[in-house]
């Protein structure tokens, strides 16, 4: 869709749009032709070609978006208990730790947690060990993501950005 700009008045016009304008004492209302637009001082506007720097920044932004999607995916966010794959996000881990603290304070020796319709019961110390390991895993994975982000931002060519593999160096998923 073409866009037009009148350099004198600063007006913009988008092809196909209706406009109302006083022309030579008469009122025009409708979709103008290119000849009419030209007579009224409108010129077709062309988006300037992006600079190499802009293209590089776009490539980096696209690669970082891919990195963030990968970081949020099951490729990174996951662990297994008894062969069942699952994930606990940070707020859920925090809430589970609060619940375990309460159970421990009340003298309980074990606690249960439901995941996808299955109940898991472990001694509280085992829960703490799993949560601690999971917290370390999550922190390590985040550090890898941030190191990839820094590496991408430090690249100086579109080819290097497009060829960058952000799936490397993540810690192995935990299995309990």
N, C-alpha and C. Protein backbone atom coordinates (compact mmCIF):
# COMPACT_ATOMS: atom_id res chain seq x y z
N UNK A 1 0.85 -1.16 0.00
CA UNK A 1 0.00 0.00 0.00
C UNK A 1 0.90 1.24 0.00
N UNK A 2 0.66 2.12 -0.94
CA UNK A 2 1.49 3.32 -1.08
C UNK A 2 1.10 4.36 -0.05
N UNK A 3 2.12 5.12 0.36
CA UNK A 3 1.88 6.26 1.24
C UNK A 3 2.40 7.50 0.54
N UNK A 4 1.74 8.61 0.80
CA UNK A 4 2.12 9.87 0.19
C UNK A 4 2.26 10.92 1.28
N UNK A 5 3.17 11.87 1.02
CA UNK A 5 3.37 12.95 1.98
C UNK A 5 3.39 14.27 1.23
N UNK A 6 2.77 15.26 1.84
CA UNK A 6 2.83 16.62 1.31
C UNK A 6 3.90 17.34 2.11
N UNK A 7 5.01 17.63 1.46
CA UNK A 7 6.15 18.24 2.16
C UNK A 7 5.81 19.64 2.66
N UNK A 8 4.91 20.34 2.01
CA UNK A 8 4.55 21.70 2.41
C UNK A 8 3.68 21.72 3.65
N UNK A 9 2.64 20.88 3.64
CA UNK A 9 1.68 20.90 4.76
C UNK A 9 1.98 19.86 5.83
N UNK A 10 2.81 18.86 5.49
CA UNK A 10 3.11 17.79 6.43
C UNK A 10 2.04 16.71 6.47
N UNK A 11 1.03 16.82 5.60
CA UNK A 11 -0.05 15.83 5.58
C UNK A 11 0.43 14.50 5.02
N UNK A 12 -0.22 13.44 5.49
CA UNK A 12 0.05 12.08 4.99
C UNK A 12 -1.24 11.55 4.38
N UNK A 13 -1.07 10.72 3.36
CA UNK A 13 -2.19 10.05 2.73
C UNK A 13 -1.78 8.62 2.43
N UNK A 14 -2.69 7.68 2.73
CA UNK A 14 -2.47 6.26 2.43
C UNK A 14 -3.39 5.86 1.29
N UNK A 15 -2.82 5.21 0.30
CA UNK A 15 -3.54 4.79 -0.89
C UNK A 15 -4.85 4.10 -0.53
N UNK A 16 -5.93 4.51 -1.23
CA UNK A 16 -7.23 3.88 -1.05
C UNK A 16 -8.10 4.55 -0.01
N UNK A 17 -7.52 5.44 0.76
CA UNK A 17 -8.29 6.07 1.82
C UNK A 17 -9.05 7.28 1.24
N UNK A 18 -10.21 7.53 1.80
CA UNK A 18 -11.02 8.65 1.36
C UNK A 18 -10.53 9.92 2.05
N UNK A 19 -10.62 11.03 1.33
CA UNK A 19 -10.22 12.30 1.94
C UNK A 19 -11.18 13.39 1.48
N UNK A 20 -11.26 14.43 2.30
CA UNK A 20 -12.06 15.59 1.97
C UNK A 20 -11.12 16.78 1.92
N UNK A 21 -11.27 17.58 0.86
CA UNK A 21 -10.31 18.67 0.66
C UNK A 21 -10.99 19.77 -0.16
N UNK A 22 -10.69 21.01 0.16
CA UNK A 22 -11.16 22.13 -0.63
C UNK A 22 -10.12 22.40 -1.71
N UNK A 23 -10.54 22.32 -2.95
CA UNK A 23 -9.63 22.49 -4.09
C UNK A 23 -10.24 23.55 -5.02
N UNK A 24 -9.55 24.69 -5.15
CA UNK A 24 -10.00 25.76 -6.05
C UNK A 24 -11.42 26.21 -5.76
N UNK A 25 -11.78 26.28 -4.49
CA UNK A 25 -13.10 26.74 -4.09
C UNK A 25 -14.16 25.65 -4.11
N UNK A 26 -13.82 24.45 -4.57
CA UNK A 26 -14.77 23.34 -4.59
C UNK A 26 -14.37 22.30 -3.55
N UNK A 27 -15.36 21.56 -3.10
CA UNK A 27 -15.11 20.52 -2.11
C UNK A 27 -14.92 19.18 -2.81
N UNK A 28 -13.77 18.56 -2.57
CA UNK A 28 -13.52 17.21 -3.09
C UNK A 28 -13.69 16.26 -1.92
N UNK A 29 -14.43 15.19 -2.15
CA UNK A 29 -14.58 14.14 -1.14
C UNK A 29 -14.56 12.81 -1.87
N UNK A 30 -13.60 11.96 -1.50
CA UNK A 30 -13.49 10.66 -2.15
C UNK A 30 -12.06 10.17 -2.12
N UNK A 31 -11.80 9.20 -2.99
CA UNK A 31 -10.46 8.64 -3.10
C UNK A 31 -9.78 9.32 -4.28
N UNK A 32 -8.72 10.09 -4.02
CA UNK A 32 -8.08 10.83 -5.11
C UNK A 32 -7.22 9.92 -5.99
N UNK A 33 -7.03 10.37 -7.20
CA UNK A 33 -6.13 9.67 -8.12
C UNK A 33 -4.71 10.13 -7.83
N UNK A 34 -3.75 9.42 -8.40
CA UNK A 34 -2.35 9.83 -8.22
C UNK A 34 -2.12 11.21 -8.83
N UNK A 35 -2.81 11.51 -9.94
CA UNK A 35 -2.67 12.83 -10.56
C UNK A 35 -3.17 13.93 -9.63
N UNK A 36 -4.31 13.67 -8.98
CA UNK A 36 -4.85 14.67 -8.04
C UNK A 36 -3.89 14.86 -6.87
N UNK A 37 -3.39 13.76 -6.34
CA UNK A 37 -2.45 13.87 -5.21
C UNK A 37 -1.24 14.69 -5.61
N UNK A 38 -0.72 14.43 -6.79
CA UNK A 38 0.45 15.15 -7.27
C UNK A 38 0.13 16.64 -7.43
N UNK A 39 -1.03 16.93 -7.98
CA UNK A 39 -1.44 18.34 -8.16
C UNK A 39 -1.59 19.05 -6.82
N UNK A 40 -1.94 18.31 -5.77
CA UNK A 40 -2.11 18.90 -4.44
C UNK A 40 -0.81 18.92 -3.64
N UNK A 41 0.28 18.50 -4.26
CA UNK A 41 1.59 18.58 -3.61
C UNK A 41 2.01 17.32 -2.86
N UNK A 42 1.30 16.23 -3.04
CA UNK A 42 1.66 14.97 -2.39
C UNK A 42 2.66 14.22 -3.27
N UNK A 43 3.65 13.64 -2.64
CA UNK A 43 4.62 12.80 -3.33
C UNK A 43 4.65 11.44 -2.67
N UNK A 44 4.85 10.42 -3.50
CA UNK A 44 4.92 9.07 -2.94
C UNK A 44 6.10 8.98 -1.97
N UNK A 45 5.83 8.41 -0.83
CA UNK A 45 6.86 8.28 0.21
C UNK A 45 7.43 6.87 0.15
N UNK A 46 8.72 6.78 0.20
CA UNK A 46 9.40 5.49 0.20
C UNK A 46 10.19 5.38 1.50
N UNK A 47 9.98 4.26 2.18
CA UNK A 47 10.73 4.04 3.42
C UNK A 47 12.21 3.96 3.08
N UNK A 48 13.02 4.70 3.82
CA UNK A 48 14.45 4.65 3.53
C UNK A 48 15.02 3.25 3.79
N UNK A 49 16.00 2.89 3.01
CA UNK A 49 16.68 1.60 3.19
C UNK A 49 17.38 1.62 4.55
N UNK A 50 17.26 0.53 5.31
CA UNK A 50 17.94 0.50 6.60
C UNK A 50 19.46 0.47 6.42
N UNK A 51 20.15 1.07 7.37
CA UNK A 51 21.61 1.04 7.34
C UNK A 51 22.09 -0.34 7.78
N UNK A 52 23.36 -0.62 7.54
CA UNK A 52 23.94 -1.89 7.99
C UNK A 52 23.82 -2.03 9.50
N UNK A 53 23.98 -0.92 10.21
CA UNK A 53 23.86 -0.95 11.68
C UNK A 53 22.44 -1.32 12.09
N UNK A 54 21.44 -0.75 11.39
CA UNK A 54 20.04 -1.07 11.70
C UNK A 54 19.75 -2.54 11.39
N UNK A 55 20.25 -3.02 10.27
CA UNK A 55 20.05 -4.43 9.92
C UNK A 55 20.70 -5.35 10.95
N UNK A 56 21.89 -4.98 11.41
CA UNK A 56 22.58 -5.77 12.44
C UNK A 56 21.77 -5.77 13.73
N UNK A 57 21.25 -4.61 14.13
CA UNK A 57 20.43 -4.54 15.36
C UNK A 57 19.15 -5.35 15.23
N UNK A 58 18.54 -5.34 14.05
CA UNK A 58 17.34 -6.16 13.82
C UNK A 58 17.67 -7.65 13.92
N UNK A 59 18.81 -8.03 13.33
CA UNK A 59 19.23 -9.44 13.40
C UNK A 59 19.48 -9.85 14.85
N UNK A 60 20.13 -8.99 15.62
CA UNK A 60 20.39 -9.28 17.04
C UNK A 60 19.07 -9.41 17.81
N UNK A 61 18.14 -8.49 17.56
CA UNK A 61 16.85 -8.54 18.26
C UNK A 61 16.11 -9.84 17.91
N UNK A 62 16.15 -10.24 16.66
CA UNK A 62 15.49 -11.49 16.26
C UNK A 62 16.16 -12.70 16.92
N UNK A 63 17.48 -12.72 16.97
CA UNK A 63 18.20 -13.84 17.58
C UNK A 63 17.94 -13.88 19.08
N UNK A 64 17.88 -12.73 19.73
CA UNK A 64 17.60 -12.69 21.16
C UNK A 64 16.16 -13.15 21.43
N UNK A 65 15.24 -12.82 20.55
CA UNK A 65 13.86 -13.33 20.70
C UNK A 65 13.85 -14.85 20.60
N UNK A 66 14.64 -15.41 19.69
CA UNK A 66 14.75 -16.88 19.59
C UNK A 66 15.36 -17.45 20.87
N UNK A 67 16.39 -16.80 21.37
CA UNK A 67 17.03 -17.23 22.62
C UNK A 67 16.02 -17.23 23.77
N UNK A 68 15.25 -16.17 23.88
CA UNK A 68 14.27 -16.08 24.97
C UNK A 68 13.19 -17.16 24.85
N UNK A 69 12.78 -17.45 23.63
CA UNK A 69 11.80 -18.52 23.43
C UNK A 69 12.40 -19.86 23.82
N UNK A 70 13.65 -20.08 23.45
CA UNK A 70 14.34 -21.32 23.82
C UNK A 70 14.48 -21.42 25.34
N UNK A 71 14.87 -20.32 25.97
CA UNK A 71 15.04 -20.27 27.42
C UNK A 71 13.72 -20.60 28.14
N UNK A 72 12.60 -20.21 27.56
CA UNK A 72 11.30 -20.46 28.18
C UNK A 72 10.72 -21.83 27.82
N UNK A 73 11.40 -22.56 26.94
CA UNK A 73 10.86 -23.83 26.45
C UNK A 73 11.23 -25.00 27.37
N UNK A 74 10.63 -26.15 27.05
CA UNK A 74 10.93 -27.37 27.79
C UNK A 74 12.35 -27.86 27.54
N UNK A 75 12.99 -27.34 26.52
CA UNK A 75 14.38 -27.71 26.26
C UNK A 75 15.28 -27.27 27.43
N UNK A 76 14.89 -26.21 28.11
CA UNK A 76 15.65 -25.70 29.24
C UNK A 76 14.89 -25.92 30.55
N UNK A 77 13.61 -25.62 30.55
CA UNK A 77 12.81 -25.67 31.77
C UNK A 77 12.19 -27.05 31.95
N UNK A 78 12.91 -27.88 32.64
CA UNK A 78 12.37 -29.20 32.89
C UNK A 78 13.28 -30.04 33.77
N UNK A 79 12.68 -30.98 34.44
CA UNK A 79 13.38 -32.00 35.21
C UNK A 79 12.45 -33.20 35.27
N UNK A 80 12.94 -34.32 35.74
CA UNK A 80 12.07 -35.49 35.85
C UNK A 80 12.08 -36.02 37.27
N UNK A 81 10.94 -36.53 37.65
CA UNK A 81 10.80 -37.29 38.90
C UNK A 81 10.22 -38.64 38.48
N UNK A 82 10.98 -39.68 38.72
CA UNK A 82 10.52 -41.01 38.35
C UNK A 82 10.20 -41.13 36.87
N UNK A 83 10.95 -40.41 36.04
CA UNK A 83 10.75 -40.47 34.59
C UNK A 83 9.67 -39.55 34.06
N UNK A 84 8.96 -38.85 34.94
CA UNK A 84 7.91 -37.93 34.51
C UNK A 84 8.49 -36.52 34.41
N UNK A 85 8.37 -35.93 33.22
CA UNK A 85 8.91 -34.61 32.98
C UNK A 85 7.97 -33.54 33.52
N UNK A 86 8.56 -32.52 34.17
CA UNK A 86 7.78 -31.42 34.73
C UNK A 86 8.68 -30.21 34.92
N UNK A 87 8.08 -29.10 35.35
CA UNK A 87 8.83 -27.89 35.66
C UNK A 87 8.10 -27.12 36.74
N UNK A 88 8.88 -26.48 37.59
CA UNK A 88 8.34 -25.58 38.61
C UNK A 88 8.95 -24.21 38.35
N UNK A 89 8.11 -23.23 38.04
CA UNK A 89 8.63 -21.88 37.84
C UNK A 89 9.04 -21.30 39.20
N UNK A 90 9.71 -20.16 39.17
CA UNK A 90 10.26 -19.57 40.40
C UNK A 90 9.18 -19.32 41.46
N UNK A 91 8.02 -18.73 41.12
CA UNK A 91 7.00 -18.53 42.16
C UNK A 91 6.50 -19.85 42.76
N UNK A 92 6.37 -20.88 41.93
CA UNK A 92 5.91 -22.18 42.43
C UNK A 92 6.97 -22.79 43.34
N UNK A 93 8.23 -22.67 42.97
CA UNK A 93 9.32 -23.18 43.84
C UNK A 93 9.31 -22.45 45.18
N UNK A 94 9.10 -21.16 45.12
CA UNK A 94 9.07 -20.37 46.36
C UNK A 94 7.89 -20.79 47.23
N UNK A 95 6.73 -20.96 46.62
CA UNK A 95 5.55 -21.38 47.39
C UNK A 95 5.74 -22.77 47.98
N UNK A 96 6.36 -23.68 47.22
CA UNK A 96 6.61 -25.02 47.73
C UNK A 96 7.56 -24.97 48.92
N UNK A 97 8.59 -24.14 48.83
CA UNK A 97 9.53 -24.00 49.94
C UNK A 97 8.81 -23.46 51.19
N UNK A 98 7.93 -22.50 51.01
CA UNK A 98 7.16 -21.95 52.14
C UNK A 98 6.31 -23.06 52.76
N UNK A 99 5.66 -23.85 51.92
CA UNK A 99 4.83 -24.95 52.42
C UNK A 99 5.68 -25.98 53.17
N UNK A 100 6.84 -26.29 52.62
CA UNK A 100 7.73 -27.25 53.29
C UNK A 100 8.22 -26.71 54.63
N UNK A 101 8.54 -25.42 54.67
CA UNK A 101 8.96 -24.80 55.93
C UNK A 101 7.86 -24.93 56.98
N UNK A 102 6.63 -24.70 56.56
CA UNK A 102 5.50 -24.80 57.48
C UNK A 102 5.34 -26.25 57.96
N UNK A 103 5.42 -27.20 57.04
CA UNK A 103 5.29 -28.62 57.42
C UNK A 103 6.40 -29.01 58.39
N UNK A 104 7.62 -28.57 58.09
CA UNK A 104 8.77 -28.88 58.95
C UNK A 104 8.57 -28.29 60.34
N UNK A 105 8.12 -27.03 60.37
CA UNK A 105 7.89 -26.35 61.65
C UNK A 105 6.81 -27.07 62.47
N UNK A 106 5.85 -27.65 61.80
CA UNK A 106 4.78 -28.36 62.49
C UNK A 106 5.17 -29.79 62.86
N UNK A 107 6.40 -30.16 62.58
CA UNK A 107 6.90 -31.46 62.98
C UNK A 107 6.63 -32.59 62.00
N UNK A 108 6.15 -32.28 60.85
CA UNK A 108 5.92 -33.33 59.87
C UNK A 108 7.24 -33.83 59.31
N UNK A 109 7.26 -35.09 58.93
CA UNK A 109 8.47 -35.68 58.37
C UNK A 109 8.40 -35.80 56.86
N UNK A 110 7.20 -35.75 56.28
CA UNK A 110 7.05 -35.85 54.82
C UNK A 110 5.99 -34.85 54.37
N UNK A 111 5.98 -34.61 53.06
CA UNK A 111 5.00 -33.69 52.48
C UNK A 111 4.65 -34.19 51.09
N UNK A 112 3.48 -33.79 50.62
CA UNK A 112 3.00 -34.18 49.30
C UNK A 112 2.81 -32.96 48.42
N UNK A 113 2.99 -33.20 47.13
CA UNK A 113 2.76 -32.16 46.12
C UNK A 113 2.15 -32.85 44.92
N UNK A 114 1.12 -32.23 44.34
CA UNK A 114 0.45 -32.79 43.17
C UNK A 114 1.00 -32.14 41.91
N UNK A 115 1.31 -32.97 40.90
CA UNK A 115 1.74 -32.50 39.58
C UNK A 115 0.91 -33.23 38.54
N UNK A 116 0.17 -32.48 37.75
CA UNK A 116 -0.62 -33.06 36.66
C UNK A 116 -1.43 -34.27 37.11
N UNK A 117 -2.09 -34.14 38.21
CA UNK A 117 -2.98 -35.19 38.68
C UNK A 117 -2.31 -36.35 39.39
N UNK A 118 -1.01 -36.24 39.67
CA UNK A 118 -0.29 -37.31 40.35
C UNK A 118 0.28 -36.73 41.66
N UNK A 119 0.08 -37.47 42.73
CA UNK A 119 0.59 -37.04 44.03
C UNK A 119 2.00 -37.60 44.25
N UNK A 120 2.91 -36.72 44.67
CA UNK A 120 4.27 -37.11 44.99
C UNK A 120 4.50 -36.82 46.46
N UNK A 121 4.89 -37.85 47.20
CA UNK A 121 5.15 -37.70 48.63
C UNK A 121 6.59 -38.11 48.90
N UNK A 122 7.33 -37.22 49.57
CA UNK A 122 8.73 -37.46 49.91
C UNK A 122 8.98 -36.93 51.31
N UNK A 123 10.04 -37.44 51.94
CA UNK A 123 10.47 -36.83 53.20
C UNK A 123 10.81 -35.35 52.95
N UNK A 124 10.56 -34.52 53.92
CA UNK A 124 10.79 -33.08 53.75
C UNK A 124 12.24 -32.80 53.37
N UNK A 125 13.20 -33.52 53.97
CA UNK A 125 14.60 -33.29 53.61
C UNK A 125 14.86 -33.60 52.14
N UNK A 126 14.20 -34.61 51.60
CA UNK A 126 14.35 -34.93 50.17
C UNK A 126 13.77 -33.80 49.32
N UNK A 127 12.61 -33.25 49.74
CA UNK A 127 12.04 -32.11 49.02
C UNK A 127 13.02 -30.94 49.01
N UNK A 128 13.60 -30.65 50.18
CA UNK A 128 14.56 -29.53 50.26
C UNK A 128 15.75 -29.76 49.33
N UNK A 129 16.26 -30.99 49.30
CA UNK A 129 17.40 -31.28 48.43
C UNK A 129 17.02 -31.09 46.95
N UNK A 130 15.83 -31.59 46.59
CA UNK A 130 15.38 -31.43 45.21
C UNK A 130 15.19 -29.95 44.86
N UNK A 131 14.54 -29.21 45.75
CA UNK A 131 14.32 -27.79 45.47
C UNK A 131 15.63 -27.01 45.38
N UNK A 132 16.57 -27.34 46.25
CA UNK A 132 17.87 -26.67 46.21
C UNK A 132 18.59 -26.97 44.92
N UNK A 133 18.58 -28.24 44.51
CA UNK A 133 19.22 -28.62 43.24
C UNK A 133 18.52 -27.92 42.07
N UNK A 134 17.21 -27.85 42.12
CA UNK A 134 16.44 -27.20 41.06
C UNK A 134 16.73 -25.71 41.01
N UNK A 135 16.86 -25.09 42.16
CA UNK A 135 17.18 -23.66 42.21
C UNK A 135 18.56 -23.38 41.62
N UNK A 136 19.53 -24.25 41.93
CA UNK A 136 20.88 -24.10 41.37
C UNK A 136 20.82 -24.31 39.86
N UNK A 137 20.10 -25.33 39.41
CA UNK A 137 19.94 -25.58 37.97
C UNK A 137 19.35 -24.35 37.29
N UNK A 138 18.27 -23.80 37.85
CA UNK A 138 17.60 -22.64 37.24
C UNK A 138 18.55 -21.44 37.17
N UNK A 139 19.33 -21.22 38.24
CA UNK A 139 20.28 -20.11 38.24
C UNK A 139 21.37 -20.34 37.19
N UNK A 140 21.88 -21.56 37.10
CA UNK A 140 22.91 -21.87 36.11
C UNK A 140 22.37 -21.70 34.69
N UNK A 141 21.15 -22.17 34.46
CA UNK A 141 20.55 -22.03 33.13
C UNK A 141 20.35 -20.55 32.79
N UNK A 142 19.91 -19.76 33.76
CA UNK A 142 19.75 -18.33 33.52
C UNK A 142 21.08 -17.67 33.19
N UNK A 143 22.13 -18.08 33.89
CA UNK A 143 23.46 -17.53 33.60
C UNK A 143 23.89 -17.86 32.17
N UNK A 144 23.58 -19.06 31.70
CA UNK A 144 23.92 -19.43 30.33
C UNK A 144 23.12 -18.55 29.36
N UNK A 145 21.83 -18.38 29.63
CA UNK A 145 21.01 -17.53 28.76
C UNK A 145 21.58 -16.12 28.70
N UNK A 146 21.94 -15.57 29.85
CA UNK A 146 22.47 -14.21 29.87
C UNK A 146 23.83 -14.12 29.18
N UNK A 147 24.64 -15.18 29.28
CA UNK A 147 25.93 -15.15 28.57
C UNK A 147 25.70 -15.21 27.06
N UNK A 148 24.70 -15.97 26.61
CA UNK A 148 24.35 -15.99 25.19
C UNK A 148 23.85 -14.61 24.74
N UNK A 149 23.03 -13.98 25.58
CA UNK A 149 22.52 -12.65 25.24
C UNK A 149 23.69 -11.67 25.05
N UNK A 150 24.65 -11.70 25.98
CA UNK A 150 25.81 -10.81 25.89
C UNK A 150 26.64 -11.13 24.65
N UNK A 151 26.80 -12.41 24.36
CA UNK A 151 27.58 -12.81 23.18
C UNK A 151 26.90 -12.32 21.90
N UNK A 152 25.59 -12.47 21.81
CA UNK A 152 24.85 -12.01 20.63
C UNK A 152 25.01 -10.50 20.48
N UNK A 153 24.84 -9.78 21.57
CA UNK A 153 24.97 -8.33 21.52
C UNK A 153 26.38 -7.88 21.14
N UNK A 154 27.37 -8.72 21.37
CA UNK A 154 28.75 -8.39 21.04
C UNK A 154 29.16 -8.72 19.62
N UNK A 155 28.30 -9.41 18.89
CA UNK A 155 28.65 -9.79 17.52
C UNK A 155 28.61 -8.58 16.60
N UNK A 156 29.45 -8.61 15.56
CA UNK A 156 29.56 -7.43 14.71
C UNK A 156 29.20 -7.66 13.24
N UNK A 157 28.58 -8.81 12.95
CA UNK A 157 28.11 -9.02 11.57
C UNK A 157 26.80 -9.80 11.60
N UNK A 158 25.98 -9.55 10.60
CA UNK A 158 24.70 -10.25 10.48
C UNK A 158 24.94 -11.74 10.33
N UNK A 159 25.95 -12.11 9.57
CA UNK A 159 26.26 -13.53 9.35
C UNK A 159 26.60 -14.21 10.68
N UNK A 160 27.39 -13.53 11.51
CA UNK A 160 27.75 -14.11 12.81
C UNK A 160 26.53 -14.26 13.70
N UNK A 161 25.64 -13.27 13.66
CA UNK A 161 24.41 -13.33 14.47
C UNK A 161 23.54 -14.49 14.00
N UNK A 162 23.32 -14.57 12.69
CA UNK A 162 22.46 -15.63 12.15
C UNK A 162 23.04 -17.02 12.41
N UNK A 163 24.36 -17.14 12.46
CA UNK A 163 24.99 -18.44 12.68
C UNK A 163 25.21 -18.79 14.14
N UNK A 164 24.85 -17.89 15.05
CA UNK A 164 25.12 -18.12 16.47
C UNK A 164 24.21 -19.21 17.03
N UNK A 165 24.79 -20.17 17.73
CA UNK A 165 24.03 -21.27 18.34
C UNK A 165 23.84 -20.99 19.82
N UNK A 166 22.63 -20.59 20.18
CA UNK A 166 22.30 -20.25 21.57
C UNK A 166 21.83 -21.47 22.37
N UNK A 167 21.86 -22.65 21.79
CA UNK A 167 21.37 -23.85 22.49
C UNK A 167 22.48 -24.58 23.23
N UNK A 168 23.68 -24.05 23.21
CA UNK A 168 24.82 -24.73 23.81
C UNK A 168 25.04 -24.32 25.26
N UNK A 169 25.78 -25.15 25.97
CA UNK A 169 26.30 -24.86 27.32
C UNK A 169 25.28 -24.90 28.44
N UNK A 170 24.04 -25.25 28.17
CA UNK A 170 23.06 -25.34 29.25
C UNK A 170 23.38 -26.56 30.11
N UNK A 171 23.11 -26.47 31.41
CA UNK A 171 23.37 -27.62 32.28
C UNK A 171 22.43 -28.78 31.91
N UNK A 172 22.86 -29.98 32.26
CA UNK A 172 22.01 -31.15 32.03
C UNK A 172 20.79 -31.06 32.93
N UNK A 173 19.65 -31.48 32.39
CA UNK A 173 18.43 -31.47 33.19
C UNK A 173 18.57 -32.43 34.36
N UNK A 174 17.89 -32.09 35.43
CA UNK A 174 17.93 -32.91 36.64
C UNK A 174 16.95 -34.06 36.52
N UNK A 175 17.32 -35.15 37.15
CA UNK A 175 16.46 -36.33 37.20
C UNK A 175 16.47 -36.85 38.64
N UNK A 176 15.30 -36.95 39.21
CA UNK A 176 15.19 -37.41 40.60
C UNK A 176 14.52 -38.77 40.65
